Each structure stands twice: as C-alpha cells, then as structure tokens.
C-alpha cells in the first residue's frame, strides 16, 4: 500500500469510484516487540512481576501509549 505502485493503484481505484478498505493485523506494527530491548517499561508484567514482551503492552505507561498513537496516525495516513 505504501509503495509507489500501491499508491498509484489506490488512486486509480478511487477514480473509478471504488472505496478501498483493507484489514491489517496492526498490533505487531503499532507496538513492535523489538522495542522491548529499549523500553522495558512499555511492556506488561507477568504474574511473577517480570516484564514480558509476549502479549500486550503495559496500559499504564504513557510513553508506550504515545508511541502507539504516533504509529496509528502514520498507519491511518497510508490511506
């Protein structure tokens, strides 16, 4: 969708009156697990009180939430 060919295709479809919709499992892009190394505090704690990158973010961390917000704005801008 973000390549020059993809953008051109979207323009062509819209010019023909098509509404473009796509589903994207975005959580791993919005909140990449690679950030665990740099931002341990963005990730949830397990039952043992250890930070883990296996499932979700820590919803009480404002910096992690701000990161997701920024990424969501970028994603929305692709369409």
C-alpha atoms as a PDB file:
ATOM      1  CA  UNK A   1       0.000   0.000   0.000  1.00  0.00           C
ATOM      2  CA  UNK A   2       2.907   2.345   0.659  1.00  0.00           C
ATOM      3  CA  UNK A   3       4.916   1.644  -2.481  1.00  0.00           C
ATOM      4  CA  UNK A   4       4.627   3.950  -5.483  1.00  0.00           C
ATOM      5  CA  UNK A   5       2.803   1.185  -7.364  1.00  0.00           C
ATOM      6  CA  UNK A   6       0.386   0.674  -4.488  1.00  0.00           C
ATOM      7  CA  UNK A   7      -0.349   4.383  -4.211  1.00  0.00           C
ATOM      8  CA  UNK A   8      -0.937   4.615  -7.960  1.00  0.00           C
ATOM      9  CA  UNK A   9      -3.304   1.660  -7.810  1.00  0.00           C
ATOM     10  CA  UNK A  10      -5.273   3.299  -4.977  1.00  0.00           C
ATOM     11  CA  UNK A  11      -5.622   6.495  -6.997  1.00  0.00           C
ATOM     12  CA  UNK A  12      -6.893   4.511  -9.975  1.00  0.00           C
ATOM     13  CA  UNK A  13      -9.415   2.618  -7.882  1.00  0.00           C
ATOM     14  CA  UNK A  14     -10.722   5.786  -6.248  1.00  0.00           C
ATOM     15  CA  UNK A  15     -11.020   7.482  -9.649  1.00  0.00           C
ATOM     16  CA  UNK A  16     -13.248   4.589 -10.712  1.00  0.00           C
ATOM     17  CA  UNK A  17     -15.444   5.137  -7.665  1.00  0.00           C
ATOM     18  CA  UNK A  18     -14.186   2.264  -5.551  1.00  0.00           C
ATOM     19  CA  UNK A  19     -13.910   2.658  -1.812  1.00  0.00           C
ATOM     20  CA  UNK A  20     -10.743   0.965  -0.653  1.00  0.00           C
ATOM     21  CA  UNK A  21     -10.829  -0.908   2.611  1.00  0.00           C
ATOM     22  CA  UNK A  22      -8.313  -3.355   3.943  1.00  0.00           C
ATOM     23  CA  UNK A  23      -7.825  -5.278   7.118  1.00  0.00           C
ATOM     24  CA  UNK A  24      -4.469  -5.200   8.768  1.00  0.00           C
ATOM     25  CA  UNK A  25      -3.464  -7.023  11.908  1.00  0.00           C
ATOM     26  CA  UNK A  26      -1.607  -3.979  13.070  1.00  0.00           C
ATOM     27  CA  UNK A  27      -0.748  -4.645  16.678  1.00  0.00           C
ATOM     28  CA  UNK A  28       2.711  -6.009  15.935  1.00  0.00           C
ATOM     29  CA  UNK A  29       3.418  -2.986  13.748  1.00  0.00           C
ATOM     30  CA  UNK A  30       1.864  -0.460  16.119  1.00  0.00           C
ATOM     31  CA  UNK A  31       3.739  -1.919  19.070  1.00  0.00           C
ATOM     32  CA  UNK A  32       6.795  -3.835  17.806  1.00  0.00           C
ATOM     33  CA  UNK A  33       8.194  -6.419  20.185  1.00  0.00           C
ATOM     34  CA  UNK A  34      11.684  -5.224  19.231  1.00  0.00           C
ATOM     35  CA  UNK A  35      11.063  -2.176  21.430  1.00  0.00           C
ATOM     36  CA  UNK A  36      11.342  -4.459  24.478  1.00  0.00           C
ATOM     37  CA  UNK A  37      15.120  -4.089  24.422  1.00  0.00           C
ATOM     38  CA  UNK A  38      14.916  -0.289  24.558  1.00  0.00           C
ATOM     39  CA  UNK A  39      11.731   0.302  26.547  1.00  0.00           C
ATOM     40  CA  UNK A  40      11.182  -2.467  29.047  1.00  0.00           C
ATOM     41  CA  UNK A  41       8.669  -0.309  30.952  1.00  0.00           C
ATOM     42  CA  UNK A  42       6.302  -0.247  27.929  1.00  0.00           C
ATOM     43  CA  UNK A  43       5.562  -3.956  28.367  1.00  0.00           C
ATOM     44  CA  UNK A  44       3.288  -5.758  30.797  1.00  0.00           C
ATOM     45  CA  UNK A  45       4.338  -7.645  33.887  1.00  0.00           C
ATOM     46  CA  UNK A  46       3.581 -11.320  34.279  1.00  0.00           C
ATOM     47  CA  UNK A  47       2.382 -12.963  37.499  1.00  0.00           C
ATOM     48  CA  UNK A  48       5.977 -13.123  38.768  1.00  0.00           C
ATOM     49  CA  UNK A  49       6.408  -9.350  38.385  1.00  0.00           C
ATOM     50  CA  UNK A  50       8.734  -9.685  35.391  1.00  0.00           C
ATOM     51  CA  UNK A  51       8.342  -7.541  32.277  1.00  0.00           C
ATOM     52  CA  UNK A  52       7.491  -9.664  29.272  1.00  0.00           C
ATOM     53  CA  UNK A  53       7.053  -8.975  25.571  1.00  0.00           C
ATOM     54  CA  UNK A  54       4.873 -11.996  24.901  1.00  0.00           C
ATOM     55  CA  UNK A  55       1.384 -10.490  24.780  1.00  0.00           C
ATOM     56  CA  UNK A  56       0.456  -6.883  25.478  1.00  0.00           C
ATOM     57  CA  UNK A  57       1.788  -3.500  26.379  1.00  0.00           C
ATOM     58  CA  UNK A  58       1.540  -2.005  29.836  1.00  0.00           C
ATOM     59  CA  UNK A  59      -1.610   0.145  29.538  1.00  0.00           C
ATOM     60  CA  UNK A  60      -0.496   2.421  32.376  1.00  0.00           C
ATOM     61  CA  UNK A  61       2.663   3.601  30.608  1.00  0.00           C
ATOM     62  CA  UNK A  62       2.005   6.960  28.901  1.00  0.00           C
ATOM     63  CA  UNK A  63       5.129   6.805  26.729  1.00  0.00           C
ATOM     64  CA  UNK A  64       4.184   3.412  25.310  1.00  0.00           C
ATOM     65  CA  UNK A  65       0.665   4.638  24.601  1.00  0.00           C
ATOM     66  CA  UNK A  66       2.042   7.768  22.910  1.00  0.00           C
ATOM     67  CA  UNK A  67       4.244   5.566  20.704  1.00  0.00           C
ATOM     68  CA  UNK A  68       1.212   3.554  19.622  1.00  0.00           C
ATOM     69  CA  UNK A  69      -0.735   6.752  18.959  1.00  0.00           C
ATOM     70  CA  UNK A  70       2.003   8.055  16.681  1.00  0.00           C
ATOM     71  CA  UNK A  71       2.182   4.772  14.793  1.00  0.00           C
ATOM     72  CA  UNK A  72      -1.615   4.677  14.425  1.00  0.00           C
ATOM     73  CA  UNK A  73      -1.555   8.166  12.892  1.00  0.00           C
ATOM     74  CA  UNK A  74       1.104   7.006  10.431  1.00  0.00           C
ATOM     75  CA  UNK A  75      -0.943   3.963   9.523  1.00  0.00           C
ATOM     76  CA  UNK A  76      -4.107   5.996   9.031  1.00  0.00           C
ATOM     77  CA  UNK A  77      -2.182   8.336   6.747  1.00  0.00           C
ATOM     78  CA  UNK A  78      -1.405   5.489   4.369  1.00  0.00           C
ATOM     79  CA  UNK A  79      -4.970   5.562   3.129  1.00  0.00           C
END
